[in-house]
Amino acid sequence: MSPAPDRFRSMAIMLLVAGIARLSRGDVAELPDQADVPQKRFRTAEMADAVMGAAQSAGLEPLPGEACAGGRCEESSPSEALLSAVLHSEAQSQNSTEPAKTYKVSCDRRNITGIERFTVLLLNASQDLMELLNANSTECSLVLFYTTWCQFSANLAPHFNALPRVFPSMHFLALDASQHSSLSTRFGTVAVPNILLFQGAKPMARFNQTDRTLETLTSFITNQTGFEAGPDQTVRDEDRVGPLPAAPVKSIDWLFVFSVLFISGFALYAVLCTDSVRWLIPGQDHEHQD
């Protein structure tokens, strides 16, 4: 046999082997590495779950998270999208679960029809507070216990005189604690000025701040009743005139004078009744021991 046919036979076998090897590998394109695939971005985590699940089952293209403005779109970062989703979900949960603010005193607004001037009502010695406060009413009143000689009461007076103009839907009363001692004892007035919030004839709250100004009084009423303050929240010159006096009145406190005289007389009587000082009193018989 000649060498030429052997050479052709060898070449045919090599070509056949190469063809079989190529067919076994096939012409399928190499799949890209998962790490090289660009990550898809979504506006919210819920949208990502829904779109990715649909894309895996139906071959849909996930929606990229884009922020478009003026016809130009830019991809948003995953951290920004995630942060936006978290804040949005927290806001929705707070809006749905946060209860409405409740106030301690549920006051009805008084009828102000026909009232042109809102002012503080001063009680004299013959007037009874319980008669002015309607026990069956749900309207609210702010009552001030004061004394005319107290400097702190005088400093509070202009601010309290301005309150009826700020809250026209409430009642404002003031009484001299020295003239209404029974009411002072009943409502625990151990020092003046003392401010109580009433609903009807029932005391509901006490003003305990040491800074007694129109601003603090307004905040106290709003927090207790929910009433909104009027636009005029300034102390005018007319508020310094009355009805409450803005200067302490100098007068004799006869109760204090009587108390001093009683204590002094009792102390003198106790001293005179002791055996140790009897010999100092002229005219007293002294007993001598033999």
C-alpha atoms as a PDB file:
ATOM      1  CA  MET A   1       0.000   0.000   0.000  1.00  0.00           C
ATOM      2  CA  SER A   2       1.335   3.473  -0.934  1.00  0.00           C
ATOM      3  CA  PRO A   3       1.973   6.112   1.654  1.00  0.00           C
ATOM      4  CA  ALA A   4      -0.503   8.653   0.072  1.00  0.00           C
ATOM      5  CA  PRO A   5      -3.705   6.800   0.943  1.00  0.00           C
ATOM      6  CA  ASP A   6      -2.450   6.350   4.498  1.00  0.00           C
ATOM      7  CA  ARG A   7      -1.823  10.058   4.777  1.00  0.00           C
ATOM      8  CA  PHE A   8      -5.346  10.903   3.571  1.00  0.00           C
ATOM      9  CA  ARG A   9      -6.831   8.286   5.894  1.00  0.00           C
ATOM     10  CA  SER A  10      -5.001   9.800   8.858  1.00  0.00           C
ATOM     11  CA  MET A  11      -6.190  13.313   7.935  1.00  0.00           C
ATOM     12  CA  ALA A  12      -9.782  12.069   7.585  1.00  0.00           C
ATOM     13  CA  ILE A  13      -9.635  10.415  10.992  1.00  0.00           C
ATOM     14  CA  MET A  14      -8.268  13.638  12.563  1.00  0.00           C
ATOM     15  CA  LEU A  15     -10.992  15.747  10.959  1.00  0.00           C
ATOM     16  CA  LEU A  16     -13.631  13.276  12.142  1.00  0.00           C
ATOM     17  CA  VAL A  17     -12.329  13.338  15.693  1.00  0.00           C
ATOM     18  CA  ALA A  18     -12.214  17.170  15.660  1.00  0.00           C
ATOM     19  CA  GLY A  19     -15.791  17.338  14.351  1.00  0.00           C
ATOM     20  CA  ILE A  20     -17.052  14.928  17.007  1.00  0.00           C
ATOM     21  CA  ALA A  21     -15.300  16.938  19.715  1.00  0.00           C
ATOM     22  CA  ARG A  22     -16.824  20.206  18.442  1.00  0.00           C
ATOM     23  CA  LEU A  23     -20.288  18.680  18.329  1.00  0.00           C
ATOM     24  CA  SER A  24     -19.903  17.406  21.885  1.00  0.00           C
ATOM     25  CA  ARG A  25     -19.092  20.927  23.136  1.00  0.00           C
ATOM     26  CA  GLY A  26     -21.689  22.620  20.948  1.00  0.00           C
ATOM     27  CA  ASP A  27     -21.846  26.293  19.867  1.00  0.00           C
ATOM     28  CA  VAL A  28     -23.645  27.490  23.038  1.00  0.00           C
ATOM     29  CA  ALA A  29     -22.391  30.876  24.210  1.00  0.00           C
ATOM     30  CA  GLU A  30     -20.723  30.934  27.585  1.00  0.00           C
ATOM     31  CA  LEU A  31     -23.034  32.172  30.329  1.00  0.00           C
ATOM     32  CA  PRO A  32     -21.765  35.287  32.095  1.00  0.00           C
ATOM     33  CA  ASP A  33     -20.669  35.057  35.656  1.00  0.00           C
ATOM     34  CA  GLN A  34     -23.399  36.010  38.147  1.00  0.00           C
ATOM     35  CA  ALA A  35     -21.022  38.456  39.769  1.00  0.00           C
ATOM     36  CA  ASP A  36     -20.610  40.313  36.454  1.00  0.00           C
ATOM     37  CA  VAL A  37     -24.350  40.811  36.035  1.00  0.00           C
ATOM     38  CA  PRO A  38     -25.310  44.353  37.006  1.00  0.00           C
ATOM     39  CA  GLN A  39     -27.498  44.497  40.077  1.00  0.00           C
ATOM     40  CA  LYS A  40     -31.075  45.668  39.522  1.00  0.00           C
ATOM     41  CA  ARG A  41     -32.380  48.431  41.758  1.00  0.00           C
ATOM     42  CA  PHE A  42     -35.922  48.940  42.955  1.00  0.00           C
ATOM     43  CA  ARG A  43     -37.787  51.773  44.619  1.00  0.00           C
ATOM     44  CA  THR A  44     -38.958  49.717  47.606  1.00  0.00           C
ATOM     45  CA  ALA A  45     -38.164  46.334  49.119  1.00  0.00           C
ATOM     46  CA  GLU A  46     -41.734  45.173  48.534  1.00  0.00           C
ATOM     47  CA  MET A  47     -41.485  46.082  44.842  1.00  0.00           C
ATOM     48  CA  ALA A  48     -38.197  44.219  44.588  1.00  0.00           C
ATOM     49  CA  ASP A  49     -39.687  41.030  46.022  1.00  0.00           C
ATOM     50  CA  ALA A  50     -42.715  41.214  43.759  1.00  0.00           C
ATOM     51  CA  VAL A  51     -40.799  42.033  40.575  1.00  0.00           C
ATOM     52  CA  MET A  52     -37.978  39.532  41.155  1.00  0.00           C
ATOM     53  CA  GLY A  53     -40.479  36.759  41.841  1.00  0.00           C
ATOM     54  CA  ALA A  54     -42.403  37.581  38.673  1.00  0.00           C
ATOM     55  CA  ALA A  55     -39.201  37.876  36.670  1.00  0.00           C
ATOM     56  CA  GLN A  56     -37.982  34.441  37.724  1.00  0.00           C
ATOM     57  CA  SER A  57     -41.305  32.779  36.857  1.00  0.00           C
ATOM     58  CA  ALA A  58     -42.201  34.621  33.638  1.00  0.00           C
ATOM     59  CA  GLY A  59     -38.882  36.011  32.456  1.00  0.00           C
ATOM     60  CA  LEU A  60     -39.852  39.622  33.049  1.00  0.00           C
ATOM     61  CA  GLU A  61     -37.241  42.340  33.213  1.00  0.00           C
ATOM     62  CA  PRO A  62     -37.008  43.850  36.730  1.00  0.00           C
ATOM     63  CA  LEU A  63     -37.841  47.517  37.013  1.00  0.00           C
ATOM     64  CA  PRO A  64     -34.763  49.639  37.668  1.00  0.00           C
ATOM     65  CA  GLY A  65     -35.069  52.271  40.370  1.00  0.00           C
ATOM     66  CA  GLU A  66     -34.742  55.605  38.685  1.00  0.00           C
ATOM     67  CA  ALA A  67     -35.309  59.176  39.800  1.00  0.00           C
ATOM     68  CA  CYS A  68     -36.384  61.306  36.873  1.00  0.00           C
ATOM     69  CA  ALA A  69     -36.434  65.066  36.841  1.00  0.00           C
ATOM     70  CA  GLY A  70     -36.745  67.369  33.833  1.00  0.00           C
ATOM     71  CA  GLY A  71     -36.747  64.487  31.354  1.00  0.00           C
ATOM     72  CA  ARG A  72     -33.432  63.168  32.665  1.00  0.00           C
ATOM     73  CA  CYS A  73     -33.259  59.965  34.698  1.00  0.00           C
ATOM     74  CA  GLU A  74     -30.547  58.888  37.060  1.00  0.00           C
ATOM     75  CA  GLU A  75     -30.224  55.658  38.918  1.00  0.00           C
ATOM     76  CA  SER A  76     -30.706  55.953  42.669  1.00  0.00           C
ATOM     77  CA  SER A  77     -28.321  54.139  44.981  1.00  0.00           C
ATOM     78  CA  PRO A  78     -29.568  51.025  46.810  1.00  0.00           C
ATOM     79  CA  SER A  79     -28.974  52.669  50.209  1.00  0.00           C
ATOM     80  CA  GLU A  80     -31.131  55.657  49.272  1.00  0.00           C
ATOM     81  CA  ALA A  81     -33.923  53.418  48.001  1.00  0.00           C
ATOM     82  CA  LEU A  82     -33.807  51.255  51.119  1.00  0.00           C
ATOM     83  CA  LEU A  83     -33.755  54.302  53.414  1.00  0.00           C
ATOM     84  CA  SER A  84     -36.715  55.828  51.579  1.00  0.00           C
ATOM     85  CA  ALA A  85     -38.686  52.588  51.914  1.00  0.00           C
ATOM     86  CA  VAL A  86     -37.971  52.313  55.650  1.00  0.00           C
ATOM     87  CA  LEU A  87     -38.921  55.936  56.348  1.00  0.00           C
ATOM     88  CA  HIS A  88     -42.082  55.613  54.300  1.00  0.00           C
ATOM     89  CA  SER A  89     -43.169  52.458  56.132  1.00  0.00           C
ATOM     90  CA  GLU A  90     -42.406  54.016  59.551  1.00  0.00           C
ATOM     91  CA  ALA A  91     -44.417  57.120  58.683  1.00  0.00           C
ATOM     92  CA  GLN A  92     -47.373  55.012  57.609  1.00  0.00           C
ATOM     93  CA  SER A  93     -47.219  52.920  60.790  1.00  0.00           C
ATOM     94  CA  GLN A  94     -47.035  56.029  62.997  1.00  0.00           C
ATOM     95  CA  ASN A  95     -49.947  57.667  61.211  1.00  0.00           C
ATOM     96  CA  SER A  96     -52.057  54.557  61.596  1.00  0.00           C
ATOM     97  CA  THR A  97     -51.190  53.714  65.216  1.00  0.00           C
ATOM     98  CA  GLU A  98     -50.641  57.143  66.876  1.00  0.00           C
ATOM     99  CA  PRO A  99     -53.714  57.970  69.011  1.00  0.00           C
ATOM    100  CA  ALA A 100     -55.284  61.403  69.047  1.00  0.00           C
ATOM    101  CA  LYS A 101     -54.093  63.665  71.862  1.00  0.00           C
ATOM    102  CA  THR A 102     -56.462  63.716  74.787  1.00  0.00           C
ATOM    103  CA  TYR A 103     -56.801  66.489  77.336  1.00  0.00           C
ATOM    104  CA  LYS A 104     -57.399  66.204  81.060  1.00  0.00           C
ATOM    105  CA  VAL A 105     -60.417  68.508  81.130  1.00  0.00           C
ATOM    106  CA  SER A 106     -63.099  68.295  78.446  1.00  0.00           C
ATOM    107  CA  CYS A 107     -64.580  71.783  78.587  1.00  0.00           C
ATOM    108  CA  ASP A 108     -67.525  73.175  76.690  1.00  0.00           C
ATOM    109  CA  ARG A 109     -67.181  76.667  75.291  1.00  0.00           C
ATOM    110  CA  ARG A 110     -69.417  79.263  76.863  1.00  0.00           C
ATOM    111  CA  ASN A 111     -71.818  81.280  74.751  1.00  0.00           C
ATOM    112  CA  ILE A 112     -70.218  84.656  74.036  1.00  0.00           C
ATOM    113  CA  THR A 113     -73.044  86.044  71.925  1.00  0.00           C
ATOM    114  CA  GLY A 114     -73.682  89.673  72.851  1.00  0.00           C
ATOM    115  CA  ILE A 115     -70.604  89.985  75.097  1.00  0.00           C
ATOM    116  CA  GLU A 116     -68.510  92.977  74.081  1.00  0.00           C
ATOM    117  CA  ARG A 117     -66.002  93.146  76.936  1.00  0.00           C
ATOM    118  CA  PHE A 118     -64.307  90.131  78.462  1.00  0.00           C
ATOM    119  CA  THR A 119     -62.995  90.745  81.955  1.00  0.00           C
ATOM    120  CA  VAL A 120     -62.246  89.099  85.299  1.00  0.00           C
ATOM    121  CA  LEU A 121     -65.127  88.834  87.763  1.00  0.00           C
ATOM    122  CA  LEU A 122     -64.100  89.946  91.276  1.00  0.00           C
ATOM    123  CA  LEU A 123     -66.044  88.421  94.167  1.00  0.00           C
ATOM    124  CA  ASN A 124     -66.824  90.555  97.180  1.00  0.00           C
ATOM    125  CA  ALA A 125     -67.163  89.291 100.750  1.00  0.00           C
ATOM    126  CA  SER A 126     -70.887  88.548 100.381  1.00  0.00           C
ATOM    127  CA  GLN A 127     -70.651  86.538  97.159  1.00  0.00           C
ATOM    128  CA  ASP A 128     -70.246  82.767  97.205  1.00  0.00           C
ATOM    129  CA  LEU A 129     -68.032  81.081  94.652  1.00  0.00           C
ATOM    130  CA  MET A 130     -70.147  77.919  94.600  1.00  0.00           C
ATOM    131  CA  GLU A 131     -73.203  79.931  93.590  1.00  0.00           C
ATOM    132  CA  LEU A 132     -71.371  81.418  90.615  1.00  0.00           C
ATOM    133  CA  LEU A 133     -69.990  78.061  89.509  1.00  0.00           C
ATOM    134  CA  ASN A 134     -72.791  75.953  88.056  1.00  0.00           C
ATOM    135  CA  ALA A 135     -72.398  72.394  89.333  1.00  0.00           C
ATOM    136  CA  ASN A 136     -74.362  71.010  86.368  1.00  0.00           C
ATOM    137  CA  SER A 137     -72.313  72.865  83.778  1.00  0.00           C
ATOM    138  CA  THR A 138     -69.380  71.485  81.787  1.00  0.00           C
ATOM    139  CA  GLU A 139     -67.931  74.935  81.114  1.00  0.00           C
ATOM    140  CA  CYS A 140     -64.558  75.727  82.651  1.00  0.00           C
ATOM    141  CA  SER A 141     -63.502  78.558  84.927  1.00  0.00           C
ATOM    142  CA  LEU A 142     -60.106  79.721  86.152  1.00  0.00           C
ATOM    143  CA  VAL A 143     -60.270  80.968  89.752  1.00  0.00           C
ATOM    144  CA  LEU A 144     -57.575  83.041  91.459  1.00  0.00           C
ATOM    145  CA  PHE A 145     -57.186  83.205  95.238  1.00  0.00           C
ATOM    146  CA  TYR A 146     -55.269  86.384  96.098  1.00  0.00           C
ATOM    147  CA  THR A 147     -54.841  89.052  98.755  1.00  0.00           C
ATOM    148  CA  THR A 148     -54.612  92.790  98.206  1.00  0.00           C
ATOM    149  CA  TRP A 149     -51.490  93.202 100.338  1.00  0.00           C
ATOM    150  CA  CYS A 150     -49.486  90.391  98.667  1.00  0.00           C
ATOM    151  CA  GLN A 151     -46.742  91.552  96.306  1.00  0.00           C
ATOM    152  CA  PHE A 152     -46.824  88.300  94.320  1.00  0.00           C
ATOM    153  CA  SER A 153     -50.556  88.697  93.760  1.00  0.00           C
ATOM    154  CA  ALA A 154     -49.961  92.244  92.554  1.00  0.00           C
ATOM    155  CA  ASN A 155     -47.288  91.086  90.098  1.00  0.00           C
ATOM    156  CA  LEU A 156     -49.659  88.453  88.692  1.00  0.00           C
ATOM    157  CA  ALA A 157     -52.615  90.833  88.351  1.00  0.00           C
ATOM    158  CA  PRO A 158     -51.866  92.328  84.866  1.00  0.00           C
ATOM    159  CA  HIS A 159     -51.292  88.884  83.351  1.00  0.00           C
ATOM    160  CA  PHE A 160     -54.471  87.463  84.876  1.00  0.00           C
ATOM    161  CA  ASN A 161     -56.451  90.525  83.727  1.00  0.00           C
ATOM    162  CA  ALA A 162     -55.397  89.783  80.123  1.00  0.00           C
ATOM    163  CA  LEU A 163     -56.552  86.141  80.141  1.00  0.00           C
ATOM    164  CA  PRO A 164     -60.266  86.767  79.354  1.00  0.00           C
ATOM    165  CA  ARG A 165     -59.211  88.445  76.120  1.00  0.00           C
ATOM    166  CA  VAL A 166     -57.013  85.470  75.164  1.00  0.00           C
ATOM    167  CA  PHE A 167     -59.613  82.816  76.091  1.00  0.00           C
ATOM    168  CA  PRO A 168     -63.076  84.390  75.680  1.00  0.00           C
ATOM    169  CA  SER A 169     -64.775  80.969  75.833  1.00  0.00           C
ATOM    170  CA  MET A 170     -63.844  80.524  79.535  1.00  0.00           C
ATOM    171  CA  HIS A 171     -64.839  82.182  82.814  1.00  0.00           C
ATOM    172  CA  PHE A 172     -62.255  83.989  84.960  1.00  0.00           C
ATOM    173  CA  LEU A 173     -62.928  84.788  88.615  1.00  0.00           C
ATOM    174  CA  ALA A 174     -60.841  86.173  91.498  1.00  0.00           C
ATOM    175  CA  LEU A 175     -61.553  86.324  95.221  1.00  0.00           C
ATOM    176  CA  ASP A 176     -59.744  87.692  98.247  1.00  0.00           C
ATOM    177  CA  ALA A 177     -58.583  84.695 100.285  1.00  0.00           C
ATOM    178  CA  SER A 178     -58.672  86.719 103.521  1.00  0.00           C
ATOM    179  CA  GLN A 179     -62.383  87.422 103.000  1.00  0.00           C
ATOM    180  CA  HIS A 180     -63.246  83.834 101.989  1.00  0.00           C
ATOM    181  CA  SER A 181     -61.297  81.809 104.537  1.00  0.00           C
ATOM    182  CA  SER A 182     -63.709  78.860 104.357  1.00  0.00           C
ATOM    183  CA  LEU A 183     -63.177  78.500 100.589  1.00  0.00           C
ATOM    184  CA  SER A 184     -59.431  78.856 101.030  1.00  0.00           C
ATOM    185  CA  THR A 185     -59.447  76.010 103.538  1.00  0.00           C
ATOM    186  CA  ARG A 186     -61.749  73.897 101.395  1.00  0.00           C
ATOM    187  CA  PHE A 187     -59.534  74.102  98.318  1.00  0.00           C
ATOM    188  CA  GLY A 188     -56.198  73.902 100.125  1.00  0.00           C
ATOM    189  CA  THR A 189     -55.055  77.484  99.715  1.00  0.00           C
ATOM    190  CA  VAL A 190     -52.086  77.676 102.071  1.00  0.00           C
ATOM    191  CA  ALA A 191     -50.327  80.432 100.124  1.00  0.00           C
ATOM    192  CA  VAL A 192     -51.352  83.106  97.649  1.00  0.00           C
ATOM    193  CA  PRO A 193     -51.618  83.523  94.753  1.00  0.00           C
ATOM    194  CA  ASN A 194     -53.336  80.168  94.147  1.00  0.00           C
ATOM    195  CA  ILE A 195     -54.889  79.358  90.730  1.00  0.00           C
ATOM    196  CA  LEU A 196     -57.373  76.520  90.223  1.00  0.00           C
ATOM    197  CA  LEU A 197     -59.087  75.265  87.071  1.00  0.00           C
ATOM    198  CA  PHE A 198     -62.730  74.291  87.622  1.00  0.00           C
ATOM    199  CA  GLN A 199     -65.125  72.359  85.433  1.00  0.00           C
ATOM    200  CA  GLY A 200     -68.507  73.330  86.712  1.00  0.00           C
ATOM    201  CA  ALA A 201     -68.033  73.382  90.494  1.00  0.00           C
ATOM    202  CA  LYS A 202     -65.361  70.679  90.551  1.00  0.00           C
ATOM    203  CA  PRO A 203     -61.646  71.606  90.795  1.00  0.00           C
ATOM    204  CA  MET A 204     -59.701  69.784  88.082  1.00  0.00           C
ATOM    205  CA  ALA A 205     -56.145  71.165  88.048  1.00  0.00           C
ATOM    206  CA  ARG A 206     -53.857  73.532  89.952  1.00  0.00           C
ATOM    207  CA  PHE A 207     -51.311  75.918  88.449  1.00  0.00           C
ATOM    208  CA  ASN A 208     -48.038  75.081  90.223  1.00  0.00           C
ATOM    209  CA  GLN A 209     -45.420  77.044  88.287  1.00  0.00           C
ATOM    210  CA  THR A 210     -43.473  79.788  90.012  1.00  0.00           C
ATOM    211  CA  ASP A 211     -43.190  81.826  86.804  1.00  0.00           C
ATOM    212  CA  ARG A 212     -46.662  83.381  86.689  1.00  0.00           C
ATOM    213  CA  THR A 213     -46.849  85.162  83.335  1.00  0.00           C
ATOM    214  CA  LEU A 214     -49.391  85.390  80.538  1.00  0.00           C
ATOM    215  CA  GLU A 215     -47.323  82.935  78.490  1.00  0.00           C
ATOM    216  CA  THR A 216     -47.172  80.257  81.193  1.00  0.00           C
ATOM    217  CA  LEU A 217     -50.855  80.707  82.062  1.00  0.00           C
ATOM    218  CA  THR A 218     -51.793  80.385  78.390  1.00  0.00           C
ATOM    219  CA  SER A 219     -49.737  77.210  78.054  1.00  0.00           C
ATOM    220  CA  PHE A 220     -51.360  75.783  81.198  1.00  0.00           C
ATOM    221  CA  ILE A 221     -54.907  76.378  79.906  1.00  0.00           C
ATOM    222  CA  THR A 222     -54.114  75.004  76.440  1.00  0.00           C
ATOM    223  CA  ASN A 223     -52.503  71.845  77.800  1.00  0.00           C
ATOM    224  CA  GLN A 224     -55.390  71.179  80.181  1.00  0.00           C
ATOM    225  CA  THR A 225     -58.386  72.030  77.988  1.00  0.00           C
ATOM    226  CA  GLY A 226     -57.131  72.023  74.396  1.00  0.00           C
ATOM    227  CA  PHE A 227     -58.475  75.547  73.832  1.00  0.00           C
ATOM    228  CA  GLU A 228     -56.454  77.568  71.341  1.00  0.00           C
ATOM    229  CA  ALA A 229     -55.285  80.962  72.514  1.00  0.00           C
ATOM    230  CA  GLY A 230     -56.476  84.076  70.753  1.00  0.00           C
ATOM    231  CA  PRO A 231     -54.173  86.189  68.589  1.00  0.00           C
ATOM    232  CA  ASP A 232     -53.890  89.004  71.148  1.00  0.00           C
ATOM    233  CA  GLN A 233     -51.474  87.577  73.718  1.00  0.00           C
ATOM    234  CA  THR A 234     -49.968  90.782  75.084  1.00  0.00           C
ATOM    235  CA  VAL A 235     -50.402  92.590  78.385  1.00  0.00           C
ATOM    236  CA  ARG A 236     -51.864  96.012  77.705  1.00  0.00           C
ATOM    237  CA  ASP A 237     -51.718  99.152  79.821  1.00  0.00           C
ATOM    238  CA  GLU A 238     -55.392  98.720  80.692  1.00  0.00           C
ATOM    239  CA  ASP A 239     -54.569  95.340  82.225  1.00  0.00           C
ATOM    240  CA  ARG A 240     -52.341  97.082  84.765  1.00  0.00           C
ATOM    241  CA  VAL A 241     -55.259  99.223  85.902  1.00  0.00           C
ATOM    242  CA  GLY A 242     -57.772  96.505  86.806  1.00  0.00           C
ATOM    243  CA  PRO A 243     -59.948  94.785  87.698  1.00  0.00           C
ATOM    244  CA  LEU A 244     -57.244  93.127  89.830  1.00  0.00           C
ATOM    245  CA  PRO A 245     -54.964  95.715  91.464  1.00  0.00           C
ATOM    246  CA  ALA A 246     -51.421  95.677  90.114  1.00  0.00           C
ATOM    247  CA  ALA A 247     -49.999  97.287  93.270  1.00  0.00           C
ATOM    248  CA  PRO A 248     -50.240  95.953  96.830  1.00  0.00           C
ATOM    249  CA  VAL A 249     -52.642  97.812  99.078  1.00  0.00           C
ATOM    250  CA  LYS A 250     -51.170  98.857 102.426  1.00  0.00           C
ATOM    251  CA  SER A 251     -53.648  98.161 105.205  1.00  0.00           C
ATOM    252  CA  ILE A 252     -53.763  96.825 108.729  1.00  0.00           C
ATOM    253  CA  ASP A 253     -54.104  93.076 108.933  1.00  0.00           C
ATOM    254  CA  TRP A 254     -56.388  92.864 111.936  1.00  0.00           C
ATOM    255  CA  LEU A 255     -56.228  89.085 111.968  1.00  0.00           C
ATOM    256  CA  PHE A 256     -52.467  89.242 112.366  1.00  0.00           C
ATOM    257  CA  VAL A 257     -52.755  91.859 115.104  1.00  0.00           C
ATOM    258  CA  PHE A 258     -55.304  89.760 117.001  1.00  0.00           C
ATOM    259  CA  SER A 259     -53.095  86.682 116.693  1.00  0.00           C
ATOM    260  CA  VAL A 260     -50.081  88.535 118.113  1.00  0.00           C
ATOM    261  CA  LEU A 261     -52.102  89.909 121.037  1.00  0.00           C
ATOM    262  CA  PHE A 262     -53.581  86.503 121.825  1.00  0.00           C
ATOM    263  CA  ILE A 263     -50.202  84.757 121.814  1.00  0.00           C
ATOM    264  CA  SER A 264     -48.641  87.516 123.927  1.00  0.00           C
ATOM    265  CA  GLY A 265     -51.452  87.395 126.511  1.00  0.00           C
ATOM    266  CA  PHE A 266     -51.310  83.621 126.757  1.00  0.00           C
ATOM    267  CA  ALA A 267     -47.532  83.668 127.238  1.00  0.00           C
ATOM    268  CA  LEU A 268     -47.816  86.323 129.957  1.00  0.00           C
ATOM    269  CA  TYR A 269     -50.508  84.346 131.787  1.00  0.00           C
ATOM    270  CA  ALA A 270     -48.401  81.173 131.678  1.00  0.00           C
ATOM    271  CA  VAL A 271     -45.426  82.996 133.147  1.00  0.00           C
ATOM    272  CA  LEU A 272     -47.428  84.554 135.964  1.00  0.00           C
ATOM    273  CA  CYS A 273     -48.886  81.204 136.982  1.00  0.00           C
ATOM    274  CA  THR A 274     -45.525  79.583 137.625  1.00  0.00           C
ATOM    275  CA  ASP A 275     -44.311  79.251 141.239  1.00  0.00           C
ATOM    276  CA  SER A 276     -40.832  80.449 140.426  1.00  0.00           C
ATOM    277  CA  VAL A 277     -41.945  84.023 139.714  1.00  0.00           C
ATOM    278  CA  ARG A 278     -44.614  84.495 142.369  1.00  0.00           C
ATOM    279  CA  TRP A 279     -42.144  85.960 144.862  1.00  0.00           C
ATOM    280  CA  LEU A 280     -41.324  88.691 142.341  1.00  0.00           C
ATOM    281  CA  ILE A 281     -44.921  89.986 142.377  1.00  0.00           C
ATOM    282  CA  PRO A 282     -45.534  92.576 145.160  1.00  0.00           C
ATOM    283  CA  GLY A 283     -48.286  91.767 147.679  1.00  0.00           C
ATOM    284  CA  GLN A 284     -47.915  88.009 147.379  1.00  0.00           C
ATOM    285  CA  ASP A 285     -47.608  86.091 150.716  1.00  0.00           C
ATOM    286  CA  HIS A 286     -44.405  84.117 150.874  1.00  0.00           C
ATOM    287  CA  GLU A 287     -44.119  80.909 152.820  1.00  0.00           C
ATOM    288  CA  HIS A 288     -40.963  80.541 154.878  1.00  0.00           C
ATOM    289  CA  GLN A 289     -39.631  77.315 156.106  1.00  0.00           C
ATOM    290  CA  ASP A 290     -38.508  77.109 159.797  1.00  0.00           C
END
